[in-house]
Structure formats: C-alpha cells, structure tokens
C-alpha cells in the first residue's frame, strides 16, 4: 500500500520538491531508480538524505567502495544539514572501524556529537565508541597518552 500511495504522490506531485520527497521514500523502500532521482532533486537536504540512504543500501550489500564517495559528498557540503551529515559521518566511522582506523572513527564520532544531540544518533555513536574502546572523554586523551610511549 505504501508503494502505491507514494507512486501516486510522486507521479501527481505539482512541485519538484514534493516529487523528490516521494522518490526518497520509494527509494528507501527499495526502488534504486527513485532513490537516484531523489539524490539529484532540487532540495539539497532531501538530496543528501537520498545519498545517505543509497550509501547505506550499498554498504549493506558489501559495496563499500561505492558507498564511501556518497557519504563523503554529504559530509563535504558546507551548507549541509546536521542530520544527513551526521548519518554520513556515522557511515564513514563504521567504515573506518572496519578498516581498523579507530582514530579516524573517533574524530568522526566527535564531529557527530558536535552536530547533533539526537538520541538515536548519539546511541549509535556510543555503540561504536564501545566497539573501538573509546568514550567521548577518552578520544584525545588516549592519543596524547600513547604518543610519548611511541617515541621512546
């Protein structure tokens, strides 16, 4: 029923942003064509959310090399909204963890904390911090305390 309603909304939309919103939701339900169209639409926030959703689909299918540039593009947008940026940073942090680059992941997780206080996002940040063994207060302290040991 949702696909039918969203298809009607997409096809009957009188505004480009309305069409883009319907395409985004159809894309989240699995229609890659609509998701790609939403990523090219006129509303920058909806386009960023579409890129994040597509990157999450690609990552879920193990296609990380294709997901990474989408997340990076969202993060690099200087006028980007906090939610899409936070979601993209989360994806990149998870990729960093998978690559064994926990310091990069910690930096991204701190960026998320500075962008949002959304409980769902902060919960995901805390899960990743536990996974890499760093809490919000230990990230830079760990780096500082380990530096003298490495030089000795």
C-alpha atoms as a PDB file:
ATOM      1  CA  UNK A   1       0.000   0.000   0.000  1.00  0.00           C
ATOM      2  CA  UNK A   2       2.823   2.411   0.830  1.00  0.00           C
ATOM      3  CA  UNK A   3       4.450   1.906  -2.567  1.00  0.00           C
ATOM      4  CA  UNK A   4       1.139   2.541  -4.314  1.00  0.00           C
ATOM      5  CA  UNK A   5       0.464   5.707  -2.324  1.00  0.00           C
ATOM      6  CA  UNK A   6       3.988   7.024  -2.793  1.00  0.00           C
ATOM      7  CA  UNK A   7       3.910   6.289  -6.522  1.00  0.00           C
ATOM      8  CA  UNK A   8       0.668   8.259  -6.840  1.00  0.00           C
ATOM      9  CA  UNK A   9       2.216  11.088  -4.813  1.00  0.00           C
ATOM     10  CA  UNK A  10       5.363  11.068  -6.958  1.00  0.00           C
ATOM     11  CA  UNK A  11       3.520  10.995 -10.261  1.00  0.00           C
ATOM     12  CA  UNK A  12       0.885  13.507  -9.194  1.00  0.00           C
ATOM     13  CA  UNK A  13       3.143  15.971  -7.405  1.00  0.00           C
ATOM     14  CA  UNK A  14       2.757  19.545  -8.521  1.00  0.00           C
ATOM     15  CA  UNK A  15       6.107  20.598  -7.047  1.00  0.00           C
ATOM     16  CA  UNK A  16       9.621  19.311  -7.738  1.00  0.00           C
ATOM     17  CA  UNK A  17      10.359  19.016  -4.003  1.00  0.00           C
ATOM     18  CA  UNK A  18       7.154  17.028  -3.452  1.00  0.00           C
ATOM     19  CA  UNK A  19       8.171  14.646  -6.201  1.00  0.00           C
ATOM     20  CA  UNK A  20      11.653  14.392  -4.707  1.00  0.00           C
ATOM     21  CA  UNK A  21      10.250  13.567  -1.254  1.00  0.00           C
ATOM     22  CA  UNK A  22       8.117  10.771  -2.716  1.00  0.00           C
ATOM     23  CA  UNK A  23      11.128   9.482  -4.688  1.00  0.00           C
ATOM     24  CA  UNK A  24      13.198   9.449  -1.497  1.00  0.00           C
ATOM     25  CA  UNK A  25      10.618   7.356   0.328  1.00  0.00           C
ATOM     26  CA  UNK A  26      10.159   4.994  -2.623  1.00  0.00           C
ATOM     27  CA  UNK A  27      13.932   4.649  -2.729  1.00  0.00           C
ATOM     28  CA  UNK A  28      14.082   3.805   0.955  1.00  0.00           C
ATOM     29  CA  UNK A  29      11.588   1.049   0.216  1.00  0.00           C
ATOM     30  CA  UNK A  30      13.994  -0.380  -2.352  1.00  0.00           C
ATOM     31  CA  UNK A  31      13.479   1.458  -5.649  1.00  0.00           C
ATOM     32  CA  UNK A  32      17.032   2.438  -6.602  1.00  0.00           C
ATOM     33  CA  UNK A  33      15.873   4.421  -9.631  1.00  0.00           C
ATOM     34  CA  UNK A  34      13.723   6.682  -7.452  1.00  0.00           C
ATOM     35  CA  UNK A  35      16.469   6.998  -4.848  1.00  0.00           C
ATOM     36  CA  UNK A  36      18.948   8.112  -7.509  1.00  0.00           C
ATOM     37  CA  UNK A  37      16.395  10.616  -8.839  1.00  0.00           C
ATOM     38  CA  UNK A  38      15.869  11.991  -5.316  1.00  0.00           C
ATOM     39  CA  UNK A  39      19.640  12.443  -4.964  1.00  0.00           C
ATOM     40  CA  UNK A  40      19.532  14.740  -7.994  1.00  0.00           C
ATOM     41  CA  UNK A  41      16.436  16.674  -6.934  1.00  0.00           C
ATOM     42  CA  UNK A  42      16.121  20.364  -6.154  1.00  0.00           C
ATOM     43  CA  UNK A  43      16.014  20.240  -2.343  1.00  0.00           C
ATOM     44  CA  UNK A  44      19.584  19.865  -1.025  1.00  0.00           C
ATOM     45  CA  UNK A  45      18.549  18.281   2.300  1.00  0.00           C
ATOM     46  CA  UNK A  46      16.393  15.652   0.569  1.00  0.00           C
ATOM     47  CA  UNK A  47      19.203  15.024  -1.938  1.00  0.00           C
ATOM     48  CA  UNK A  48      21.654  14.481   0.925  1.00  0.00           C
ATOM     49  CA  UNK A  49      19.259  12.086   2.668  1.00  0.00           C
ATOM     50  CA  UNK A  50      18.882  10.178  -0.610  1.00  0.00           C
ATOM     51  CA  UNK A  51      22.676   9.871  -0.941  1.00  0.00           C
ATOM     52  CA  UNK A  52      22.929   8.613   2.630  1.00  0.00           C
ATOM     53  CA  UNK A  53      20.117   6.094   2.049  1.00  0.00           C
ATOM     54  CA  UNK A  54      21.782   4.854  -1.151  1.00  0.00           C
ATOM     55  CA  UNK A  55      25.144   4.580   0.610  1.00  0.00           C
ATOM     56  CA  UNK A  56      23.519   2.557   3.399  1.00  0.00           C
ATOM     57  CA  UNK A  57      21.975   0.213   0.817  1.00  0.00           C
ATOM     58  CA  UNK A  58      25.330  -0.214  -0.914  1.00  0.00           C
ATOM     59  CA  UNK A  59      27.149  -0.798   2.371  1.00  0.00           C
ATOM     60  CA  UNK A  60      24.528  -3.350   3.381  1.00  0.00           C
ATOM     61  CA  UNK A  61      25.274  -5.202   0.158  1.00  0.00           C
ATOM     62  CA  UNK A  62      29.023  -5.111   0.885  1.00  0.00           C
ATOM     63  CA  UNK A  63      29.697  -2.493  -1.793  1.00  0.00           C
ATOM     64  CA  UNK A  64      31.645  -0.147   0.480  1.00  0.00           C
ATOM     65  CA  UNK A  65      33.783   1.324  -2.304  1.00  0.00           C
ATOM     66  CA  UNK A  66      30.584   2.670  -3.877  1.00  0.00           C
ATOM     67  CA  UNK A  67      29.098   3.847  -0.577  1.00  0.00           C
ATOM     68  CA  UNK A  68      32.109   5.831   0.633  1.00  0.00           C
ATOM     69  CA  UNK A  69      32.001   8.620  -2.014  1.00  0.00           C
ATOM     70  CA  UNK A  70      28.300   9.204  -1.353  1.00  0.00           C
ATOM     71  CA  UNK A  71      28.901   9.654   2.376  1.00  0.00           C
ATOM     72  CA  UNK A  72      31.954  11.825   1.657  1.00  0.00           C
ATOM     73  CA  UNK A  73      29.944  14.053  -0.674  1.00  0.00           C
ATOM     74  CA  UNK A  74      27.313  14.669   2.019  1.00  0.00           C
ATOM     75  CA  UNK A  75      29.947  15.464   4.661  1.00  0.00           C
ATOM     76  CA  UNK A  76      31.840  17.804   2.325  1.00  0.00           C
ATOM     77  CA  UNK A  77      28.814  20.008   1.598  1.00  0.00           C
ATOM     78  CA  UNK A  78      29.432  23.207   3.589  1.00  0.00           C
ATOM     79  CA  UNK A  79      25.736  24.096   3.576  1.00  0.00           C
ATOM     80  CA  UNK A  80      24.584  20.609   4.529  1.00  0.00           C
ATOM     81  CA  UNK A  81      22.034  19.915   7.228  1.00  0.00           C
ATOM     82  CA  UNK A  82      23.151  18.335  10.535  1.00  0.00           C
ATOM     83  CA  UNK A  83      21.094  15.127  10.241  1.00  0.00           C
ATOM     84  CA  UNK A  84      22.311  13.978   6.800  1.00  0.00           C
ATOM     85  CA  UNK A  85      25.879  14.988   7.722  1.00  0.00           C
ATOM     86  CA  UNK A  86      25.671  13.060  10.993  1.00  0.00           C
ATOM     87  CA  UNK A  87      24.327   9.982   9.220  1.00  0.00           C
ATOM     88  CA  UNK A  88      27.090  10.200   6.614  1.00  0.00           C
ATOM     89  CA  UNK A  89      29.741  10.629   9.317  1.00  0.00           C
ATOM     90  CA  UNK A  90      28.326   7.586  11.078  1.00  0.00           C
ATOM     91  CA  UNK A  91      28.647   5.548   7.891  1.00  0.00           C
ATOM     92  CA  UNK A  92      32.223   6.718   7.395  1.00  0.00           C
ATOM     93  CA  UNK A  93      33.065   5.987  11.046  1.00  0.00           C
ATOM     94  CA  UNK A  94      31.729   2.448  10.654  1.00  0.00           C
ATOM     95  CA  UNK A  95      33.865   2.088   7.544  1.00  0.00           C
ATOM     96  CA  UNK A  96      36.896   3.363   9.483  1.00  0.00           C
ATOM     97  CA  UNK A  97      36.261   0.792  12.221  1.00  0.00           C
ATOM     98  CA  UNK A  98      36.009  -1.976   9.609  1.00  0.00           C
ATOM     99  CA  UNK A  99      39.357  -0.822   8.190  1.00  0.00           C
ATOM    100  CA  UNK A 100      40.978  -0.774  11.624  1.00  0.00           C
ATOM    101  CA  UNK A 101      41.304   3.031  11.566  1.00  0.00           C
ATOM    102  CA  UNK A 102      39.881   3.714  15.014  1.00  0.00           C
ATOM    103  CA  UNK A 103      41.500   7.153  15.353  1.00  0.00           C
ATOM    104  CA  UNK A 104      39.709   8.354  12.207  1.00  0.00           C
ATOM    105  CA  UNK A 105      36.487   6.860  13.524  1.00  0.00           C
ATOM    106  CA  UNK A 106      36.899   8.681  16.841  1.00  0.00           C
ATOM    107  CA  UNK A 107      37.305  12.010  15.033  1.00  0.00           C
ATOM    108  CA  UNK A 108      34.141  11.389  13.031  1.00  0.00           C
ATOM    109  CA  UNK A 109      32.210  10.361  16.139  1.00  0.00           C
ATOM    110  CA  UNK A 110      33.226  13.588  17.871  1.00  0.00           C
ATOM    111  CA  UNK A 111      32.041  15.518  14.802  1.00  0.00           C
ATOM    112  CA  UNK A 112      28.649  13.830  15.112  1.00  0.00           C
ATOM    113  CA  UNK A 113      28.461  14.825  18.783  1.00  0.00           C
ATOM    114  CA  UNK A 114      29.139  18.440  17.792  1.00  0.00           C
ATOM    115  CA  UNK A 115      26.424  18.383  15.111  1.00  0.00           C
ATOM    116  CA  UNK A 116      23.530  16.764  16.946  1.00  0.00           C
ATOM    117  CA  UNK A 117      22.063  15.723  20.253  1.00  0.00           C
ATOM    118  CA  UNK A 118      19.580  13.338  18.617  1.00  0.00           C
ATOM    119  CA  UNK A 119      19.251  10.343  20.956  1.00  0.00           C
ATOM    120  CA  UNK A 120      19.216   7.754  18.159  1.00  0.00           C
ATOM    121  CA  UNK A 121      22.409   9.119  16.587  1.00  0.00           C
ATOM    122  CA  UNK A 122      24.159   9.530  19.933  1.00  0.00           C
ATOM    123  CA  UNK A 123      23.199   5.943  20.758  1.00  0.00           C
ATOM    124  CA  UNK A 124      24.910   4.759  17.559  1.00  0.00           C
ATOM    125  CA  UNK A 125      27.958   6.873  18.414  1.00  0.00           C
ATOM    126  CA  UNK A 126      28.153   5.252  21.851  1.00  0.00           C
ATOM    127  CA  UNK A 127      27.901   1.765  20.354  1.00  0.00           C
ATOM    128  CA  UNK A 128      30.822   2.477  18.023  1.00  0.00           C
ATOM    129  CA  UNK A 129      32.815   4.089  20.822  1.00  0.00           C
ATOM    130  CA  UNK A 130      32.370   0.930  22.899  1.00  0.00           C
ATOM    131  CA  UNK A 131      33.414  -1.174  19.924  1.00  0.00           C
ATOM    132  CA  UNK A 132      36.666   0.744  19.496  1.00  0.00           C
ATOM    133  CA  UNK A 133      37.206   1.221  23.226  1.00  0.00           C
ATOM    134  CA  UNK A 134      36.865   4.994  23.331  1.00  0.00           C
ATOM    135  CA  UNK A 135      34.307   7.098  25.140  1.00  0.00           C
ATOM    136  CA  UNK A 136      33.615  10.741  24.407  1.00  0.00           C
ATOM    137  CA  UNK A 137      36.131  11.836  27.028  1.00  0.00           C
ATOM    138  CA  UNK A 138      38.866   9.321  26.128  1.00  0.00           C
ATOM    139  CA  UNK A 139      39.386  10.015  22.427  1.00  0.00           C
ATOM    140  CA  UNK A 140      42.086  12.702  22.592  1.00  0.00           C
ATOM    141  CA  UNK A 141      43.390  11.610  25.989  1.00  0.00           C
ATOM    142  CA  UNK A 142      44.218   8.192  24.559  1.00  0.00           C
ATOM    143  CA  UNK A 143      46.087   9.751  21.656  1.00  0.00           C
ATOM    144  CA  UNK A 144      48.025  12.096  23.953  1.00  0.00           C
ATOM    145  CA  UNK A 145      48.977   9.428  26.476  1.00  0.00           C
ATOM    146  CA  UNK A 146      50.108   6.973  23.804  1.00  0.00           C
ATOM    147  CA  UNK A 147      52.302   9.443  21.914  1.00  0.00           C
ATOM    148  CA  UNK A 148      55.215   9.542  24.414  1.00  0.00           C
ATOM    149  CA  UNK A 149      55.286   5.732  24.603  1.00  0.00           C
ATOM    150  CA  UNK A 150      55.670   5.502  20.822  1.00  0.00           C
ATOM    151  CA  UNK A 151      58.609   7.920  20.727  1.00  0.00           C
ATOM    152  CA  UNK A 152      60.578   6.212  23.480  1.00  0.00           C
END
